[in-house]
All heavy atoms as atom14 arrays in JSON, in Angstrom:
{
  "sequence": "AASIGKAILFPQAVEALGRTGHNLSSEVWWSPTHPFTSSLNGMSAGG",
  "atom14_mask": [
    [1, 1, 1, 1, 1, 0, 0, 0, 0, 0, 0, 0, 0, 0],
    [1, 1, 1, 1, 1, 0, 0, 0, 0, 0, 0, 0, 0, 0],
    [1, 1, 1, 1, 1, 1, 0, 0, 0, 0, 0, 0, 0, 0],
    [1, 1, 1, 1, 1, 1, 1, 1, 0, 0, 0, 0, 0, 0],
    [1, 1, 1, 1, 0, 0, 0, 0, 0, 0, 0, 0, 0, 0],
    [1, 1, 1, 1, 1, 1, 1, 1, 1, 0, 0, 0, 0, 0],
    [1, 1, 1, 1, 1, 0, 0, 0, 0, 0, 0, 0, 0, 0],
    [1, 1, 1, 1, 1, 1, 1, 1, 0, 0, 0, 0, 0, 0],
    [1, 1, 1, 1, 1, 1, 1, 1, 0, 0, 0, 0, 0, 0],
    [1, 1, 1, 1, 1, 1, 1, 1, 1, 1, 1, 0, 0, 0],
    [1, 1, 1, 1, 1, 1, 1, 0, 0, 0, 0, 0, 0, 0],
    [1, 1, 1, 1, 1, 1, 1, 1, 1, 0, 0, 0, 0, 0],
    [1, 1, 1, 1, 1, 0, 0, 0, 0, 0, 0, 0, 0, 0],
    [1, 1, 1, 1, 1, 1, 1, 0, 0, 0, 0, 0, 0, 0],
    [1, 1, 1, 1, 1, 1, 1, 1, 1, 0, 0, 0, 0, 0],
    [1, 1, 1, 1, 1, 0, 0, 0, 0, 0, 0, 0, 0, 0],
    [1, 1, 1, 1, 1, 1, 1, 1, 0, 0, 0, 0, 0, 0],
    [1, 1, 1, 1, 0, 0, 0, 0, 0, 0, 0, 0, 0, 0],
    [1, 1, 1, 1, 1, 1, 1, 1, 1, 1, 1, 0, 0, 0],
    [1, 1, 1, 1, 1, 1, 1, 0, 0, 0, 0, 0, 0, 0],
    [1, 1, 1, 1, 0, 0, 0, 0, 0, 0, 0, 0, 0, 0],
    [1, 1, 1, 1, 1, 1, 1, 1, 1, 1, 0, 0, 0, 0],
    [1, 1, 1, 1, 1, 1, 1, 1, 0, 0, 0, 0, 0, 0],
    [1, 1, 1, 1, 1, 1, 1, 1, 0, 0, 0, 0, 0, 0],
    [1, 1, 1, 1, 1, 1, 0, 0, 0, 0, 0, 0, 0, 0],
    [1, 1, 1, 1, 1, 1, 0, 0, 0, 0, 0, 0, 0, 0],
    [1, 1, 1, 1, 1, 1, 1, 1, 1, 0, 0, 0, 0, 0],
    [1, 1, 1, 1, 1, 1, 1, 0, 0, 0, 0, 0, 0, 0],
    [1, 1, 1, 1, 1, 1, 1, 1, 1, 1, 1, 1, 1, 1],
    [1, 1, 1, 1, 1, 1, 1, 1, 1, 1, 1, 1, 1, 1],
    [1, 1, 1, 1, 1, 1, 0, 0, 0, 0, 0, 0, 0, 0],
    [1, 1, 1, 1, 1, 1, 1, 0, 0, 0, 0, 0, 0, 0],
    [1, 1, 1, 1, 1, 1, 1, 0, 0, 0, 0, 0, 0, 0],
    [1, 1, 1, 1, 1, 1, 1, 1, 1, 1, 0, 0, 0, 0],
    [1, 1, 1, 1, 1, 1, 1, 0, 0, 0, 0, 0, 0, 0],
    [1, 1, 1, 1, 1, 1, 1, 1, 1, 1, 1, 0, 0, 0],
    [1, 1, 1, 1, 1, 1, 1, 0, 0, 0, 0, 0, 0, 0],
    [1, 1, 1, 1, 1, 1, 0, 0, 0, 0, 0, 0, 0, 0],
    [1, 1, 1, 1, 1, 1, 0, 0, 0, 0, 0, 0, 0, 0],
    [1, 1, 1, 1, 1, 1, 1, 1, 0, 0, 0, 0, 0, 0],
    [1, 1, 1, 1, 1, 1, 1, 1, 0, 0, 0, 0, 0, 0],
    [1, 1, 1, 1, 0, 0, 0, 0, 0, 0, 0, 0, 0, 0],
    [1, 1, 1, 1, 1, 1, 1, 1, 0, 0, 0, 0, 0, 0],
    [1, 1, 1, 1, 1, 1, 0, 0, 0, 0, 0, 0, 0, 0],
    [1, 1, 1, 1, 1, 0, 0, 0, 0, 0, 0, 0, 0, 0],
    [1, 1, 1, 1, 0, 0, 0, 0, 0, 0, 0, 0, 0, 0],
    [1, 1, 1, 1, 0, 0, 0, 0, 0, 0, 0, 0, 0, 0]
  ],
  "atom14_positions": [
    [[56.34, 129.56, 34.72], [57.05, 128.38, 34.21], [58.3, 128.15, 35.03], [58.94, 129.1, 35.5], [57.43, 128.57, 32.74], [0.0, 0.0, 0.0], [0.0, 0.0, 0.0], [0.0, 0.0, 0.0], [0.0, 0.0, 0.0], [0.0, 0.0, 0.0], [0.0, 0.0, 0.0], [0.0, 0.0, 0.0], [0.0, 0.0, 0.0], [0.0, 0.0, 0.0]],
    [[58.64, 126.88, 35.21], [59.89, 126.49, 35.84], [60.46, 125.34, 35.03], [59.94, 124.22, 35.08], [59.7, 126.09, 37.29], [0.0, 0.0, 0.0], [0.0, 0.0, 0.0], [0.0, 0.0, 0.0], [0.0, 0.0, 0.0], [0.0, 0.0, 0.0], [0.0, 0.0, 0.0], [0.0, 0.0, 0.0], [0.0, 0.0, 0.0], [0.0, 0.0, 0.0]],
    [[61.49, 125.64, 34.25], [62.14, 124.65, 33.39], [63.5, 124.34, 33.99], [64.42, 125.15, 33.92], [62.3, 125.19, 31.96], [61.03, 125.5, 31.41], [0.0, 0.0, 0.0], [0.0, 0.0, 0.0], [0.0, 0.0, 0.0], [0.0, 0.0, 0.0], [0.0, 0.0, 0.0], [0.0, 0.0, 0.0], [0.0, 0.0, 0.0], [0.0, 0.0, 0.0]],
    [[63.62, 123.17, 34.58], [64.76, 122.83, 35.41], [65.48, 121.6, 34.87], [64.86, 120.55, 34.68], [64.32, 122.57, 36.87], [63.51, 123.76, 37.4], [65.52, 122.28, 37.75], [64.27, 125.06, 37.5], [0.0, 0.0, 0.0], [0.0, 0.0, 0.0], [0.0, 0.0, 0.0], [0.0, 0.0, 0.0], [0.0, 0.0, 0.0], [0.0, 0.0, 0.0]],
    [[66.78, 121.74, 34.64], [67.58, 120.59, 34.26], [67.99, 119.78, 35.46], [68.09, 120.28, 36.58], [0.0, 0.0, 0.0], [0.0, 0.0, 0.0], [0.0, 0.0, 0.0], [0.0, 0.0, 0.0], [0.0, 0.0, 0.0], [0.0, 0.0, 0.0], [0.0, 0.0, 0.0], [0.0, 0.0, 0.0], [0.0, 0.0, 0.0], [0.0, 0.0, 0.0]],
    [[68.2, 118.5, 35.25], [68.74, 117.56, 36.23], [67.74, 117.18, 37.32], [67.41, 116.0, 37.47], [70.03, 118.11, 36.87], [70.8, 117.09, 37.7], [72.03, 117.7, 38.38], [73.09, 118.09, 37.41], [74.35, 118.52, 38.07], [0.0, 0.0, 0.0], [0.0, 0.0, 0.0], [0.0, 0.0, 0.0], [0.0, 0.0, 0.0], [0.0, 0.0, 0.0]],
    [[67.24, 118.15, 38.09], [66.49, 117.85, 39.31], [65.18, 117.12, 39.07], [64.81, 116.23, 39.84], [66.21, 119.13, 40.1], [0.0, 0.0, 0.0], [0.0, 0.0, 0.0], [0.0, 0.0, 0.0], [0.0, 0.0, 0.0], [0.0, 0.0, 0.0], [0.0, 0.0, 0.0], [0.0, 0.0, 0.0], [0.0, 0.0, 0.0], [0.0, 0.0, 0.0]],
    [[64.45, 117.49, 38.0], [63.12, 116.9, 37.81], [63.08, 115.99, 36.59], [62.05, 115.84, 35.95], [62.04, 118.0, 37.73], [62.34, 119.01, 36.63], [61.89, 118.69, 39.08], [61.2, 119.98, 36.38], [0.0, 0.0, 0.0], [0.0, 0.0, 0.0], [0.0, 0.0, 0.0], [0.0, 0.0, 0.0], [0.0, 0.0, 0.0], [0.0, 0.0, 0.0]],
    [[64.21, 115.36, 36.32], [64.23, 114.36, 35.27], [63.52, 113.08, 35.7], [63.08, 112.29, 34.87], [65.68, 114.01, 34.92], [66.54, 115.12, 34.34], [68.0, 114.68, 34.28], [66.04, 115.49, 32.95], [0.0, 0.0, 0.0], [0.0, 0.0, 0.0], [0.0, 0.0, 0.0], [0.0, 0.0, 0.0], [0.0, 0.0, 0.0], [0.0, 0.0, 0.0]],
    [[63.38, 112.89, 37.01], [62.93, 111.62, 37.55], [61.55, 111.73, 38.19], [61.28, 112.67, 38.93], [63.94, 111.11, 38.57], [65.35, 111.17, 38.06], [66.21, 112.17, 38.47], [65.79, 110.24, 37.13], [67.5, 112.23, 37.98], [67.08, 110.3, 36.64], [67.94, 111.3, 37.05], [0.0, 0.0, 0.0], [0.0, 0.0, 0.0], [0.0, 0.0, 0.0]],
    [[60.67, 110.75, 37.93], [59.31, 110.84, 38.48], [59.29, 110.89, 40.0], [58.44, 111.57, 40.59], [58.63, 109.58, 37.94], [59.72, 108.67, 37.49], [60.86, 109.56, 37.08], [0.0, 0.0, 0.0], [0.0, 0.0, 0.0], [0.0, 0.0, 0.0], [0.0, 0.0, 0.0], [0.0, 0.0, 0.0], [0.0, 0.0, 0.0], [0.0, 0.0, 0.0]],
    [[60.23, 110.18, 40.66], [60.23, 110.18, 42.12], [60.48, 111.58, 42.67], [59.89, 111.96, 43.7], [61.31, 109.23, 42.66], [61.14, 107.8, 42.2], [61.92, 107.51, 40.92], [62.05, 108.38, 40.05], [62.45, 106.3, 40.81], [0.0, 0.0, 0.0], [0.0, 0.0, 0.0], [0.0, 0.0, 0.0], [0.0, 0.0, 0.0], [0.0, 0.0, 0.0]],
    [[61.34, 112.33, 41.99], [61.65, 113.69, 42.45], [60.44, 114.59, 42.33], [60.19, 115.45, 43.19], [62.82, 114.26, 41.66], [0.0, 0.0, 0.0], [0.0, 0.0, 0.0], [0.0, 0.0, 0.0], [0.0, 0.0, 0.0], [0.0, 0.0, 0.0], [0.0, 0.0, 0.0], [0.0, 0.0, 0.0], [0.0, 0.0, 0.0], [0.0, 0.0, 0.0]],
    [[59.66, 114.42, 41.27], [58.46, 115.24, 41.09], [57.37, 114.8, 42.06], [56.67, 115.64, 42.65], [57.97, 115.14, 39.63], [56.76, 116.05, 39.42], [59.08, 115.54, 38.67], [0.0, 0.0, 0.0], [0.0, 0.0, 0.0], [0.0, 0.0, 0.0], [0.0, 0.0, 0.0], [0.0, 0.0, 0.0], [0.0, 0.0, 0.0], [0.0, 0.0, 0.0]],
    [[57.23, 113.5, 42.25], [56.22, 113.0, 43.19], [56.48, 113.48, 44.61], [55.55, 113.69, 45.39], [56.18, 111.47, 43.13], [55.58, 110.94, 41.84], [55.82, 109.45, 41.65], [56.41, 108.82, 42.56], [55.42, 108.92, 40.59], [0.0, 0.0, 0.0], [0.0, 0.0, 0.0], [0.0, 0.0, 0.0], [0.0, 0.0, 0.0], [0.0, 0.0, 0.0]],
    [[57.77, 113.68, 44.94], [58.11, 114.16, 46.28], [57.6, 115.58, 46.53], [57.47, 116.0, 47.69], [59.63, 114.13, 46.47], [0.0, 0.0, 0.0], [0.0, 0.0, 0.0], [0.0, 0.0, 0.0], [0.0, 0.0, 0.0], [0.0, 0.0, 0.0], [0.0, 0.0, 0.0], [0.0, 0.0, 0.0], [0.0, 0.0, 0.0], [0.0, 0.0, 0.0]],
    [[57.27, 116.31, 45.46], [56.74, 117.67, 45.6], [55.24, 117.7, 45.79], [54.66, 118.78, 45.97], [57.1, 118.48, 44.34], [58.6, 118.63, 44.05], [58.8, 119.26, 42.68], [59.27, 119.47, 45.13], [0.0, 0.0, 0.0], [0.0, 0.0, 0.0], [0.0, 0.0, 0.0], [0.0, 0.0, 0.0], [0.0, 0.0, 0.0], [0.0, 0.0, 0.0]],
    [[54.6, 116.52, 45.75], [53.14, 116.48, 45.87], [52.49, 117.11, 44.65], [52.97, 116.99, 43.53], [0.0, 0.0, 0.0], [0.0, 0.0, 0.0], [0.0, 0.0, 0.0], [0.0, 0.0, 0.0], [0.0, 0.0, 0.0], [0.0, 0.0, 0.0], [0.0, 0.0, 0.0], [0.0, 0.0, 0.0], [0.0, 0.0, 0.0], [0.0, 0.0, 0.0]],
    [[51.4, 117.82, 44.87], [50.66, 118.42, 43.77], [51.37, 119.62, 43.16], [51.02, 120.07, 42.06], [49.26, 118.83, 44.24], [48.41, 117.67, 44.77], [46.98, 118.11, 45.06], [46.27, 118.5, 43.85], [45.66, 117.64, 43.02], [45.71, 116.34, 43.26], [45.03, 118.08, 41.96], [0.0, 0.0, 0.0], [0.0, 0.0, 0.0], [0.0, 0.0, 0.0]],
    [[52.39, 120.16, 43.85], [53.08, 121.34, 43.34], [54.04, 121.01, 42.19], [54.66, 121.91, 41.62], [53.87, 122.06, 44.45], [54.93, 121.21, 44.9], [52.95, 122.41, 45.61], [0.0, 0.0, 0.0], [0.0, 0.0, 0.0], [0.0, 0.0, 0.0], [0.0, 0.0, 0.0], [0.0, 0.0, 0.0], [0.0, 0.0, 0.0], [0.0, 0.0, 0.0]],
    [[54.17, 119.73, 41.85], [55.01, 119.37, 40.72], [54.3, 119.5, 39.38], [54.94, 119.39, 38.32], [0.0, 0.0, 0.0], [0.0, 0.0, 0.0], [0.0, 0.0, 0.0], [0.0, 0.0, 0.0], [0.0, 0.0, 0.0], [0.0, 0.0, 0.0], [0.0, 0.0, 0.0], [0.0, 0.0, 0.0], [0.0, 0.0, 0.0], [0.0, 0.0, 0.0]],
    [[52.99, 119.73, 39.4], [52.21, 119.78, 38.17], [52.69, 120.91, 37.25], [52.81, 122.06, 37.66], [50.73, 119.98, 38.51], [49.82, 119.99, 37.32], [49.68, 118.92, 36.48], [49.01, 120.96, 36.81], [48.82, 119.21, 35.52], [48.42, 120.45, 35.71], [0.0, 0.0, 0.0], [0.0, 0.0, 0.0], [0.0, 0.0, 0.0], [0.0, 0.0, 0.0]],
    [[53.0, 120.54, 36.0], [53.43, 121.45, 34.93], [54.85, 121.99, 35.08], [55.24, 122.91, 34.35], [52.45, 122.61, 34.74], [51.24, 122.19, 33.92], [51.24, 121.14, 33.29], [50.2, 123.01, 33.94], [0.0, 0.0, 0.0], [0.0, 0.0, 0.0], [0.0, 0.0, 0.0], [0.0, 0.0, 0.0], [0.0, 0.0, 0.0], [0.0, 0.0, 0.0]],
    [[55.63, 121.42, 35.98], [57.06, 121.7, 35.93], [57.61, 121.14, 34.62], [57.15, 120.11, 34.14], [57.78, 121.05, 37.12], [57.52, 121.67, 38.49], [58.17, 120.82, 39.57], [58.06, 123.1, 38.56], [0.0, 0.0, 0.0], [0.0, 0.0, 0.0], [0.0, 0.0, 0.0], [0.0, 0.0, 0.0], [0.0, 0.0, 0.0], [0.0, 0.0, 0.0]],
    [[58.58, 121.81, 34.04], [59.09, 121.4, 32.73], [60.58, 121.13, 32.79], [61.31, 121.63, 33.65], [58.78, 122.47, 31.68], [59.16, 123.75, 32.11], [0.0, 0.0, 0.0], [0.0, 0.0, 0.0], [0.0, 0.0, 0.0], [0.0, 0.0, 0.0], [0.0, 0.0, 0.0], [0.0, 0.0, 0.0], [0.0, 0.0, 0.0], [0.0, 0.0, 0.0]],
    [[61.02, 120.33, 31.81], [62.41, 119.92, 31.78], [62.79, 119.49, 30.37], [61.92, 119.29, 29.51], [62.64, 118.75, 32.75], [63.99, 118.37, 32.8], [0.0, 0.0, 0.0], [0.0, 0.0, 0.0], [0.0, 0.0, 0.0], [0.0, 0.0, 0.0], [0.0, 0.0, 0.0], [0.0, 0.0, 0.0], [0.0, 0.0, 0.0], [0.0, 0.0, 0.0]],
    [[64.08, 119.33, 30.14], [64.54, 118.74, 28.89], [64.22, 117.25, 28.9], [64.19, 116.61, 29.95], [66.04, 118.98, 28.71], [66.97, 118.11, 29.54], [67.19, 118.59, 30.95], [66.39, 119.42, 31.44], [68.14, 118.11, 31.59], [0.0, 0.0, 0.0], [0.0, 0.0, 0.0], [0.0, 0.0, 0.0], [0.0, 0.0, 0.0], [0.0, 0.0, 0.0]],
    [[63.98, 116.7, 27.71], [63.7, 115.27, 27.58], [64.7, 114.7, 26.57], [64.63, 114.99, 25.39], [62.26, 115.01, 27.11], [62.0, 113.5, 27.01], [61.24, 115.65, 28.07], [0.0, 0.0, 0.0], [0.0, 0.0, 0.0], [0.0, 0.0, 0.0], [0.0, 0.0, 0.0], [0.0, 0.0, 0.0], [0.0, 0.0, 0.0], [0.0, 0.0, 0.0]],
    [[65.63, 113.89, 27.07], [66.64, 113.3, 26.19], [66.17, 111.99, 25.58], [66.6, 111.6, 24.51], [67.95, 113.04, 26.89], [68.15, 113.52, 28.29], [67.92, 114.78, 28.77], [68.64, 112.76, 29.39], [68.26, 114.85, 30.1], [68.71, 113.62, 30.5], [69.06, 111.43, 29.54], [69.16, 113.2, 31.75], [69.51, 111.01, 30.78], [69.56, 111.88, 31.87]],
    [[65.28, 111.3, 26.31], [64.83, 109.98, 25.87], [63.5, 109.67, 26.54], [63.25, 110.06, 27.68], [65.86, 108.91, 26.26], [65.53, 107.53, 25.78], [65.79, 107.0, 24.55], [64.87, 106.5, 26.52], [65.33, 105.7, 24.48], [64.77, 105.36, 25.68], [64.34, 106.42, 27.82], [64.17, 104.17, 26.08], [63.75, 105.22, 28.22], [63.66, 104.12, 27.36]],
    [[62.63, 108.97, 25.81], [61.33, 108.59, 26.34], [60.84, 107.35, 25.6], [61.4, 106.96, 24.57], [60.32, 109.74, 26.15], [59.88, 109.77, 24.79], [0.0, 0.0, 0.0], [0.0, 0.0, 0.0], [0.0, 0.0, 0.0], [0.0, 0.0, 0.0], [0.0, 0.0, 0.0], [0.0, 0.0, 0.0], [0.0, 0.0, 0.0], [0.0, 0.0, 0.0]],
    [[59.77, 106.71, 26.09], [59.23, 105.54, 25.4], [58.69, 105.86, 24.0], [58.53, 104.94, 23.19], [58.09, 105.08, 26.31], [58.45, 105.6, 27.67], [59.13, 106.91, 27.41], [0.0, 0.0, 0.0], [0.0, 0.0, 0.0], [0.0, 0.0, 0.0], [0.0, 0.0, 0.0], [0.0, 0.0, 0.0], [0.0, 0.0, 0.0], [0.0, 0.0, 0.0]],
    [[58.42, 107.12, 23.71], [57.89, 107.47, 22.38], [58.98, 107.87, 21.39], [58.67, 108.18, 20.25], [56.87, 108.61, 22.5], [57.5, 109.79, 23.02], [55.7, 108.23, 23.4], [0.0, 0.0, 0.0], [0.0, 0.0, 0.0], [0.0, 0.0, 0.0], [0.0, 0.0, 0.0], [0.0, 0.0, 0.0], [0.0, 0.0, 0.0], [0.0, 0.0, 0.0]],
    [[60.24, 107.87, 21.82], [61.32, 108.16, 20.88], [61.37, 107.04, 19.83], [61.31, 105.86, 20.19], [62.66, 108.27, 21.61], [62.92, 109.64, 22.17], [62.04, 110.28, 23.02], [63.97, 110.51, 21.99], [62.53, 111.47, 23.34], [63.68, 111.63, 22.72], [0.0, 0.0, 0.0], [0.0, 0.0, 0.0], [0.0, 0.0, 0.0], [0.0, 0.0, 0.0]],
    [[61.49, 107.38, 18.55], [61.34, 106.39, 17.47], [62.62, 105.64, 17.13], [63.01, 105.54, 15.97], [60.89, 107.27, 16.3], [61.6, 108.56, 16.51], [61.64, 108.76, 18.02], [0.0, 0.0, 0.0], [0.0, 0.0, 0.0], [0.0, 0.0, 0.0], [0.0, 0.0, 0.0], [0.0, 0.0, 0.0], [0.0, 0.0, 0.0], [0.0, 0.0, 0.0]],
    [[63.3, 105.11, 18.17], [64.58, 104.46, 17.95], [64.57, 103.05, 18.53], [63.78, 102.74, 19.43], [65.71, 105.28, 18.59], [65.72, 106.71, 18.19], [65.65, 107.72, 19.15], [65.79, 107.08, 16.86], [65.66, 109.06, 18.8], [65.8, 108.43, 16.49], [65.73, 109.41, 17.45], [0.0, 0.0, 0.0], [0.0, 0.0, 0.0], [0.0, 0.0, 0.0]],
    [[65.47, 102.2, 18.03], [65.56, 100.81, 18.5], [67.0, 100.47, 18.85], [67.95, 101.1, 18.39], [65.05, 99.82, 17.44], [65.81, 100.01, 16.23], [63.58, 100.04, 17.15], [0.0, 0.0, 0.0], [0.0, 0.0, 0.0], [0.0, 0.0, 0.0], [0.0, 0.0, 0.0], [0.0, 0.0, 0.0], [0.0, 0.0, 0.0], [0.0, 0.0, 0.0]],
    [[67.16, 99.43, 19.66], [68.47, 98.99, 20.11], [69.19, 98.19, 19.04], [68.61, 97.32, 18.39], [68.32, 98.12, 21.37], [69.51, 97.44, 21.67], [0.0, 0.0, 0.0], [0.0, 0.0, 0.0], [0.0, 0.0, 0.0], [0.0, 0.0, 0.0], [0.0, 0.0, 0.0], [0.0, 0.0, 0.0], [0.0, 0.0, 0.0], [0.0, 0.0, 0.0]],
    [[70.49, 98.47, 18.89], [71.31, 97.69, 17.98], [71.71, 96.35, 18.59], [72.21, 95.46, 17.88], [72.57, 98.48, 17.61], [73.36, 98.74, 18.76], [0.0, 0.0, 0.0], [0.0, 0.0, 0.0], [0.0, 0.0, 0.0], [0.0, 0.0, 0.0], [0.0, 0.0, 0.0], [0.0, 0.0, 0.0], [0.0, 0.0, 0.0], [0.0, 0.0, 0.0]],
    [[71.48, 96.18, 19.89], [71.84, 94.94, 20.56], [70.78, 93.86, 20.42], [71.08, 92.69, 20.21], [72.09, 95.19, 22.05], [73.36, 95.95, 22.42], [73.35, 96.32, 23.89], [74.59, 95.13, 22.08], [0.0, 0.0, 0.0], [0.0, 0.0, 0.0], [0.0, 0.0, 0.0], [0.0, 0.0, 0.0], [0.0, 0.0, 0.0], [0.0, 0.0, 0.0]],
    [[69.52, 94.25, 20.56], [68.45, 93.25, 20.57], [67.21, 93.66, 19.77], [66.2, 92.95, 19.8], [68.03, 92.92, 22.02], [67.67, 94.17, 22.82], [67.32, 95.21, 22.26], [67.76, 94.08, 24.14], [0.0, 0.0, 0.0], [0.0, 0.0, 0.0], [0.0, 0.0, 0.0], [0.0, 0.0, 0.0], [0.0, 0.0, 0.0], [0.0, 0.0, 0.0]],
    [[67.27, 94.8, 19.08], [66.16, 95.24, 18.27], [64.98, 95.79, 19.05], [63.94, 96.11, 18.47], [0.0, 0.0, 0.0], [0.0, 0.0, 0.0], [0.0, 0.0, 0.0], [0.0, 0.0, 0.0], [0.0, 0.0, 0.0], [0.0, 0.0, 0.0], [0.0, 0.0, 0.0], [0.0, 0.0, 0.0], [0.0, 0.0, 0.0], [0.0, 0.0, 0.0]],
    [[65.11, 95.93, 20.36], [64.02, 96.42, 21.19], [63.76, 97.9, 20.94], [64.68, 98.69, 20.75], [64.34, 96.19, 22.66], [63.22, 96.53, 23.63], [63.65, 96.11, 25.35], [63.64, 94.32, 25.27], [0.0, 0.0, 0.0], [0.0, 0.0, 0.0], [0.0, 0.0, 0.0], [0.0, 0.0, 0.0], [0.0, 0.0, 0.0], [0.0, 0.0, 0.0]],
    [[62.49, 98.29, 20.92], [62.13, 99.69, 20.75], [62.31, 100.45, 22.06], [62.45, 99.84, 23.14], [60.68, 99.81, 20.3], [59.81, 99.39, 21.35], [0.0, 0.0, 0.0], [0.0, 0.0, 0.0], [0.0, 0.0, 0.0], [0.0, 0.0, 0.0], [0.0, 0.0, 0.0], [0.0, 0.0, 0.0], [0.0, 0.0, 0.0], [0.0, 0.0, 0.0]],
    [[62.3, 101.78, 21.97], [62.37, 102.59, 23.19], [61.2, 102.26, 24.11], [61.38, 102.12, 25.33], [62.37, 104.08, 22.82], [0.0, 0.0, 0.0], [0.0, 0.0, 0.0], [0.0, 0.0, 0.0], [0.0, 0.0, 0.0], [0.0, 0.0, 0.0], [0.0, 0.0, 0.0], [0.0, 0.0, 0.0], [0.0, 0.0, 0.0], [0.0, 0.0, 0.0]],
    [[60.01, 102.13, 23.54], [58.85, 101.77, 24.34], [59.0, 100.41, 24.99], [58.64, 100.22, 26.16], [0.0, 0.0, 0.0], [0.0, 0.0, 0.0], [0.0, 0.0, 0.0], [0.0, 0.0, 0.0], [0.0, 0.0, 0.0], [0.0, 0.0, 0.0], [0.0, 0.0, 0.0], [0.0, 0.0, 0.0], [0.0, 0.0, 0.0], [0.0, 0.0, 0.0]],
    [[59.56, 99.45, 24.25], [59.75, 98.11, 24.8], [60.75, 98.09, 25.94], [60.57, 97.38, 26.93], [0.0, 0.0, 0.0], [0.0, 0.0, 0.0], [0.0, 0.0, 0.0], [0.0, 0.0, 0.0], [0.0, 0.0, 0.0], [0.0, 0.0, 0.0], [0.0, 0.0, 0.0], [0.0, 0.0, 0.0], [0.0, 0.0, 0.0], [0.0, 0.0, 0.0]]
  ]
}
């Protein structure tokens, strides 16, 4: 296992590793599946 903060938060950084990025792990602060909406426009995380 390799659980790395900061460096592999971004898809471009993982894609730069080619196939060796598979199953690298990291913290997830926010994603499209987070069940929250914007107070500004009502948009969901997924939206």
